[in-house]
Amino acid sequence: LSCTDCSIYNCRTRDKQFPGFCLSTNNQGEHDIAEDLDEIKTELSGESLEARIARASAQVEGIFYGRLTRVEEIMEFARRLGFKKIGIATCAGLIEEAKIFAKILKERGFDYYSVICKVGGIDKTEIGVQDEHKIRPGCHESMCNPIMQARILNYNQTDLNVIVGLCVGHDSLFIKHSDAPVTTLITKDRVTGHNPA
């Protein structure tokens, strides 16, 4: 059993009993959860980037709960951390939305640098994708290149990188290769109009 099997959620309020299977109170194999929690609390009480991110995100949530859009939350989060240069890793299919986001950032005093998913224009077959697995077989079809997106934003020394609609898996590669912290503005979901919830 894990968290989606719970209906108590005592981890949120601490005003009930934890269920017997609760991940907040039960060790995970040889891993002592109480020790992990103490270690994390100590780490996040310091001045590391992770600690500053944890506090800034909690402040944005607490102070502006239900009052700011995701775009506004990203900018407030960046301000609280002193981040000035925002990287935008955008899907080609959401380039117009990325342009709007860039314009908002500029108007609010942020620098930005954007890079589209198809950067480099490498055909999918060049990395071993079979032609019949393309959306349009028989044509040049550029692969998404999230590693190059991350490298270009790393080269441009962005403070925070924002994902605008990268595909499933491409987002994983981008996050793995980004030097800057990453957050998501738009989650790709072609079927639901990018609203998977």
C-alpha atoms as a PDB file:
ATOM      1  CA  LEU A   1       0.000   0.000   0.000  1.00  0.00           C
ATOM      2  CA  SER A   2       1.111   3.569  -0.662  1.00  0.00           C
ATOM      3  CA  CYS A   3      -0.263   7.117  -0.624  1.00  0.00           C
ATOM      4  CA  THR A   4      -2.978   6.656  -3.270  1.00  0.00           C
ATOM      5  CA  ASP A   5      -4.455   3.929  -1.024  1.00  0.00           C
ATOM      6  CA  CYS A   6      -4.876   6.394   1.865  1.00  0.00           C
ATOM      7  CA  SER A   7      -7.986   8.384   2.828  1.00  0.00           C
ATOM      8  CA  ILE A   8      -6.678   9.946   6.065  1.00  0.00           C
ATOM      9  CA  TYR A   9      -3.804  12.202   4.874  1.00  0.00           C
ATOM     10  CA  ASN A  10      -2.565  12.818   8.403  1.00  0.00           C
ATOM     11  CA  CYS A  11       0.745  13.920   6.858  1.00  0.00           C
ATOM     12  CA  ARG A  12      -0.995  17.194   5.898  1.00  0.00           C
ATOM     13  CA  THR A  13      -2.470  18.194   9.263  1.00  0.00           C
ATOM     14  CA  ARG A  14      -1.108  15.848  11.948  1.00  0.00           C
ATOM     15  CA  ASP A  15      -4.516  15.859  13.712  1.00  0.00           C
ATOM     16  CA  LYS A  16      -5.402  12.177  13.170  1.00  0.00           C
ATOM     17  CA  GLN A  17      -3.722   8.786  13.430  1.00  0.00           C
ATOM     18  CA  PHE A  18      -1.375   7.711  10.663  1.00  0.00           C
ATOM     19  CA  PRO A  19      -2.666   4.551   8.943  1.00  0.00           C
ATOM     20  CA  GLY A  20      -0.623   1.433   9.608  1.00  0.00           C
ATOM     21  CA  PHE A  21       0.955   1.464   6.147  1.00  0.00           C
ATOM     22  CA  CYS A  22       1.822   5.191   6.188  1.00  0.00           C
ATOM     23  CA  LEU A  23       5.014   6.113   4.369  1.00  0.00           C
ATOM     24  CA  SER A  24       5.624   8.874   6.929  1.00  0.00           C
ATOM     25  CA  THR A  25       6.085   6.333   9.708  1.00  0.00           C
ATOM     26  CA  ASN A  26       7.169   3.070   8.075  1.00  0.00           C
ATOM     27  CA  ASN A  27      10.711   2.263   7.055  1.00  0.00           C
ATOM     28  CA  GLN A  28      11.326   1.384   3.431  1.00  0.00           C
ATOM     29  CA  GLY A  29      13.257  -1.864   3.577  1.00  0.00           C
ATOM     30  CA  GLU A  30      16.576  -1.044   5.257  1.00  0.00           C
ATOM     31  CA  HIS A  31      15.963   2.707   5.013  1.00  0.00           C
ATOM     32  CA  ASP A  32      15.000   4.372   8.307  1.00  0.00           C
ATOM     33  CA  ILE A  33      12.370   6.967   7.401  1.00  0.00           C
ATOM     34  CA  ALA A  34      12.768   8.876  10.683  1.00  0.00           C
ATOM     35  CA  GLU A  35      16.487   9.298   9.960  1.00  0.00           C
ATOM     36  CA  ASP A  36      15.713  10.403   6.400  1.00  0.00           C
ATOM     37  CA  LEU A  37      13.207  12.975   7.648  1.00  0.00           C
ATOM     38  CA  ASP A  38      15.695  14.383  10.191  1.00  0.00           C
ATOM     39  CA  GLU A  39      18.403  14.573   7.518  1.00  0.00           C
ATOM     40  CA  ILE A  40      16.105  16.329   5.050  1.00  0.00           C
ATOM     41  CA  LYS A  41      14.856  18.776   7.672  1.00  0.00           C
ATOM     42  CA  THR A  42      18.435  19.652   8.615  1.00  0.00           C
ATOM     43  CA  GLU A  43      19.451  20.047   4.968  1.00  0.00           C
ATOM     44  CA  LEU A  44      16.476  22.272   4.159  1.00  0.00           C
ATOM     45  CA  SER A  45      17.089  24.460   7.209  1.00  0.00           C
ATOM     46  CA  GLY A  46      20.439  25.582   5.799  1.00  0.00           C
ATOM     47  CA  GLU A  47      21.433  27.983   3.035  1.00  0.00           C
ATOM     48  CA  SER A  48      21.990  25.571   0.138  1.00  0.00           C
ATOM     49  CA  LEU A  49      20.157  26.160  -3.125  1.00  0.00           C
ATOM     50  CA  GLU A  50      17.842  23.256  -2.276  1.00  0.00           C
ATOM     51  CA  ALA A  51      17.015  24.842   1.095  1.00  0.00           C
ATOM     52  CA  ARG A  52      16.341  28.214  -0.504  1.00  0.00           C
ATOM     53  CA  ILE A  53      14.135  26.568  -3.151  1.00  0.00           C
ATOM     54  CA  ALA A  54      12.162  24.697  -0.478  1.00  0.00           C
ATOM     55  CA  ARG A  55      11.504  27.886   1.491  1.00  0.00           C
ATOM     56  CA  ALA A  56      10.698  30.029  -1.570  1.00  0.00           C
ATOM     57  CA  SER A  57       8.234  27.472  -2.935  1.00  0.00           C
ATOM     58  CA  ALA A  58       6.545  27.138   0.484  1.00  0.00           C
ATOM     59  CA  GLN A  59       6.285  30.936   0.740  1.00  0.00           C
ATOM     60  CA  VAL A  60       4.761  31.272  -2.735  1.00  0.00           C
ATOM     61  CA  GLU A  61       2.274  28.520  -1.926  1.00  0.00           C
ATOM     62  CA  GLY A  62       1.347  29.937   1.487  1.00  0.00           C
ATOM     63  CA  ILE A  63       1.202  33.640   0.710  1.00  0.00           C
ATOM     64  CA  PHE A  64      -0.437  33.437  -2.717  1.00  0.00           C
ATOM     65  CA  TYR A  65      -2.489  30.226  -2.436  1.00  0.00           C
ATOM     66  CA  GLY A  66      -5.201  30.278  -5.101  1.00  0.00           C
ATOM     67  CA  ARG A  67      -4.465  33.888  -6.069  1.00  0.00           C
ATOM     68  CA  LEU A  68      -1.694  33.658  -8.680  1.00  0.00           C
ATOM     69  CA  THR A  69      -1.601  31.944 -12.050  1.00  0.00           C
ATOM     70  CA  ARG A  70       1.186  29.480 -12.748  1.00  0.00           C
ATOM     71  CA  VAL A  71       3.041  32.162 -14.755  1.00  0.00           C
ATOM     72  CA  GLU A  72       2.783  34.579 -11.819  1.00  0.00           C
ATOM     73  CA  GLU A  73       3.890  31.890  -9.358  1.00  0.00           C
ATOM     74  CA  ILE A  74       6.980  31.148 -11.476  1.00  0.00           C
ATOM     75  CA  MET A  75       7.938  34.820 -11.519  1.00  0.00           C
ATOM     76  CA  GLU A  76       7.345  35.238  -7.768  1.00  0.00           C
ATOM     77  CA  PHE A  77       9.375  32.095  -7.068  1.00  0.00           C
ATOM     78  CA  ALA A  78      12.212  33.408  -9.263  1.00  0.00           C
ATOM     79  CA  ARG A  79      12.150  36.824  -7.541  1.00  0.00           C
ATOM     80  CA  ARG A  80      12.359  35.276  -4.078  1.00  0.00           C
ATOM     81  CA  LEU A  81      15.463  33.358  -5.161  1.00  0.00           C
ATOM     82  CA  GLY A  82      17.052  36.298  -6.950  1.00  0.00           C
ATOM     83  CA  PHE A  83      16.836  34.515 -10.290  1.00  0.00           C
ATOM     84  CA  LYS A  84      17.087  36.994 -13.161  1.00  0.00           C
ATOM     85  CA  LYS A  85      17.552  34.859 -16.291  1.00  0.00           C
ATOM     86  CA  ILE A  86      14.809  32.385 -17.140  1.00  0.00           C
ATOM     87  CA  GLY A  87      15.387  29.593 -19.651  1.00  0.00           C
ATOM     88  CA  ILE A  88      12.442  28.434 -21.718  1.00  0.00           C
ATOM     89  CA  ALA A  89      12.578  24.875 -23.079  1.00  0.00           C
ATOM     90  CA  THR A  90       9.660  24.832 -25.472  1.00  0.00           C
ATOM     91  CA  CYS A  91       7.908  22.347 -27.694  1.00  0.00           C
ATOM     92  CA  ALA A  92       7.593  23.448 -31.320  1.00  0.00           C
ATOM     93  CA  GLY A  93       3.850  22.918 -31.017  1.00  0.00           C
ATOM     94  CA  LEU A  94       3.662  25.445 -28.170  1.00  0.00           C
ATOM     95  CA  ILE A  95       6.027  28.075 -29.579  1.00  0.00           C
ATOM     96  CA  GLU A  96       3.291  30.722 -29.640  1.00  0.00           C
ATOM     97  CA  GLU A  97       2.582  30.157 -25.935  1.00  0.00           C
ATOM     98  CA  ALA A  98       6.334  30.320 -25.247  1.00  0.00           C
ATOM     99  CA  LYS A  99       6.488  33.665 -27.070  1.00  0.00           C
ATOM    100  CA  ILE A 100       3.701  35.025 -24.862  1.00  0.00           C
ATOM    101  CA  PHE A 101       5.507  33.754 -21.749  1.00  0.00           C
ATOM    102  CA  ALA A 102       8.755  35.377 -22.931  1.00  0.00           C
ATOM    103  CA  LYS A 103       6.963  38.677 -23.496  1.00  0.00           C
ATOM    104  CA  ILE A 104       5.468  38.567 -19.988  1.00  0.00           C
ATOM    105  CA  LEU A 105       8.876  37.797 -18.474  1.00  0.00           C
ATOM    106  CA  LYS A 106      10.469  40.715 -20.321  1.00  0.00           C
ATOM    107  CA  GLU A 107       7.685  43.103 -19.273  1.00  0.00           C
ATOM    108  CA  ARG A 108       8.191  42.040 -15.652  1.00  0.00           C
ATOM    109  CA  GLY A 109      11.933  42.708 -15.690  1.00  0.00           C
ATOM    110  CA  PHE A 110      13.330  39.226 -16.315  1.00  0.00           C
ATOM    111  CA  ASP A 111      15.856  38.225 -18.948  1.00  0.00           C
ATOM    112  CA  TYR A 112      15.008  35.063 -20.853  1.00  0.00           C
ATOM    113  CA  TYR A 113      16.573  32.678 -23.317  1.00  0.00           C
ATOM    114  CA  SER A 114      14.482  30.165 -25.228  1.00  0.00           C
ATOM    115  CA  VAL A 115      15.273  27.036 -27.185  1.00  0.00           C
ATOM    116  CA  ILE A 116      12.842  24.969 -29.261  1.00  0.00           C
ATOM    117  CA  CYS A 117      12.683  21.166 -29.061  1.00  0.00           C
ATOM    118  CA  LYS A 118      13.681  20.627 -32.692  1.00  0.00           C
ATOM    119  CA  VAL A 119      17.010  22.462 -32.285  1.00  0.00           C
ATOM    120  CA  GLY A 120      19.588  21.041 -34.710  1.00  0.00           C
ATOM    121  CA  GLY A 121      16.983  19.614 -37.092  1.00  0.00           C
ATOM    122  CA  ILE A 122      18.306  16.015 -36.871  1.00  0.00           C
ATOM    123  CA  ASP A 123      16.059  13.446 -38.561  1.00  0.00           C
ATOM    124  CA  LYS A 124      14.688  10.804 -36.201  1.00  0.00           C
ATOM    125  CA  THR A 125      16.165   8.015 -38.340  1.00  0.00           C
ATOM    126  CA  GLU A 126      19.667   9.298 -37.478  1.00  0.00           C
ATOM    127  CA  ILE A 127      19.212   8.057 -33.896  1.00  0.00           C
ATOM    128  CA  GLY A 128      17.719   4.701 -34.855  1.00  0.00           C
ATOM    129  CA  VAL A 129      14.000   5.488 -35.088  1.00  0.00           C
ATOM    130  CA  GLN A 130      12.458   3.456 -37.893  1.00  0.00           C
ATOM    131  CA  ASP A 131      10.874   5.484 -40.661  1.00  0.00           C
ATOM    132  CA  GLU A 132       7.502   3.775 -40.109  1.00  0.00           C
ATOM    133  CA  HIS A 133       7.521   5.057 -36.500  1.00  0.00           C
ATOM    134  CA  LYS A 134       7.489   8.671 -37.624  1.00  0.00           C
ATOM    135  CA  ILE A 135       4.317  10.726 -37.600  1.00  0.00           C
ATOM    136  CA  ARG A 136       4.788  11.191 -41.362  1.00  0.00           C
ATOM    137  CA  PRO A 137       6.877   8.308 -42.748  1.00  0.00           C
ATOM    138  CA  GLY A 138       8.938   9.082 -45.827  1.00  0.00           C
ATOM    139  CA  CYS A 139       9.552  12.725 -44.877  1.00  0.00           C
ATOM    140  CA  HIS A 140      12.248  14.505 -42.917  1.00  0.00           C
ATOM    141  CA  GLU A 141      10.997  14.583 -39.346  1.00  0.00           C
ATOM    142  CA  SER A 142      13.253  16.306 -36.857  1.00  0.00           C
ATOM    143  CA  MET A 143      13.705  14.563 -33.555  1.00  0.00           C
ATOM    144  CA  CYS A 144      13.101  16.407 -30.318  1.00  0.00           C
ATOM    145  CA  ASN A 145      16.459  17.246 -28.801  1.00  0.00           C
ATOM    146  CA  PRO A 146      16.000  17.908 -25.056  1.00  0.00           C
ATOM    147  CA  ILE A 147      19.665  17.262 -24.243  1.00  0.00           C
ATOM    148  CA  MET A 148      20.693  20.004 -26.688  1.00  0.00           C
ATOM    149  CA  GLN A 149      17.991  22.272 -25.256  1.00  0.00           C
ATOM    150  CA  ALA A 150      19.479  21.783 -21.777  1.00  0.00           C
ATOM    151  CA  ARG A 151      23.035  22.301 -23.024  1.00  0.00           C
ATOM    152  CA  ILE A 152      22.159  25.551 -24.777  1.00  0.00           C
ATOM    153  CA  LEU A 153      20.422  26.879 -21.662  1.00  0.00           C
ATOM    154  CA  ASN A 154      23.405  25.718 -19.573  1.00  0.00           C
ATOM    155  CA  TYR A 155      25.764  27.556 -21.939  1.00  0.00           C
ATOM    156  CA  ASN A 156      23.636  30.673 -21.477  1.00  0.00           C
ATOM    157  CA  GLN A 157      23.778  30.320 -17.680  1.00  0.00           C
ATOM    158  CA  THR A 158      20.072  30.521 -16.980  1.00  0.00           C
ATOM    159  CA  ASP A 159      19.052  30.677 -13.319  1.00  0.00           C
ATOM    160  CA  LEU A 160      15.780  28.762 -13.694  1.00  0.00           C
ATOM    161  CA  ASN A 161      14.521  26.694 -16.630  1.00  0.00           C
ATOM    162  CA  VAL A 162      10.838  26.412 -17.495  1.00  0.00           C
ATOM    163  CA  ILE A 163       9.368  23.570 -19.544  1.00  0.00           C
ATOM    164  CA  VAL A 164       6.694  24.592 -22.028  1.00  0.00           C
ATOM    165  CA  GLY A 165       5.046  21.403 -23.292  1.00  0.00           C
ATOM    166  CA  LEU A 166       7.948  18.996 -23.783  1.00  0.00           C
ATOM    167  CA  CYS A 167       6.844  15.442 -24.645  1.00  0.00           C
ATOM    168  CA  VAL A 168       6.802  12.610 -22.135  1.00  0.00           C
ATOM    169  CA  GLY A 169      10.383  11.374 -21.809  1.00  0.00           C
ATOM    170  CA  HIS A 170      11.835  14.418 -23.503  1.00  0.00           C
ATOM    171  CA  ASP A 171      10.985  16.333 -20.341  1.00  0.00           C
ATOM    172  CA  SER A 172      12.826  13.652 -18.332  1.00  0.00           C
ATOM    173  CA  LEU A 173      15.966  14.041 -20.430  1.00  0.00           C
ATOM    174  CA  PHE A 174      15.789  17.830 -20.225  1.00  0.00           C
ATOM    175  CA  ILE A 175      15.458  17.798 -16.427  1.00  0.00           C
ATOM    176  CA  LYS A 176      18.329  15.326 -16.110  1.00  0.00           C
ATOM    177  CA  HIS A 177      20.691  17.476 -18.202  1.00  0.00           C
ATOM    178  CA  SER A 178      19.719  20.948 -16.967  1.00  0.00           C
ATOM    179  CA  ASP A 179      22.221  22.666 -14.683  1.00  0.00           C
ATOM    180  CA  ALA A 180      19.568  25.105 -13.424  1.00  0.00           C
ATOM    181  CA  PRO A 181      16.528  24.077 -11.394  1.00  0.00           C
ATOM    182  CA  VAL A 182      13.543  23.180 -13.597  1.00  0.00           C
ATOM    183  CA  THR A 183       9.821  23.813 -13.270  1.00  0.00           C
ATOM    184  CA  THR A 184       6.949  23.212 -15.675  1.00  0.00           C
ATOM    185  CA  LEU A 185       4.576  25.809 -17.084  1.00  0.00           C
ATOM    186  CA  ILE A 186       2.679  23.584 -19.550  1.00  0.00           C
ATOM    187  CA  THR A 187       2.418  19.794 -19.546  1.00  0.00           C
ATOM    188  CA  LYS A 188       2.032  18.223 -22.992  1.00  0.00           C
ATOM    189  CA  ASP A 189      -1.253  16.371 -23.492  1.00  0.00           C
ATOM    190  CA  ARG A 190      -2.416  16.543 -27.079  1.00  0.00           C
ATOM    191  CA  VAL A 191      -5.680  14.731 -26.352  1.00  0.00           C
ATOM    192  CA  THR A 192      -6.911  17.002 -23.512  1.00  0.00           C
ATOM    193  CA  GLY A 193      -5.610  20.350 -24.767  1.00  0.00           C
ATOM    194  CA  HIS A 194      -2.625  20.155 -22.401  1.00  0.00           C
ATOM    195  CA  ASN A 195      -4.854  19.687 -19.361  1.00  0.00           C
ATOM    196  CA  PRO A 196      -4.169  16.111 -18.171  1.00  0.00           C
ATOM    197  CA  ALA A 197      -5.989  16.709 -14.870  1.00  0.00           C
END
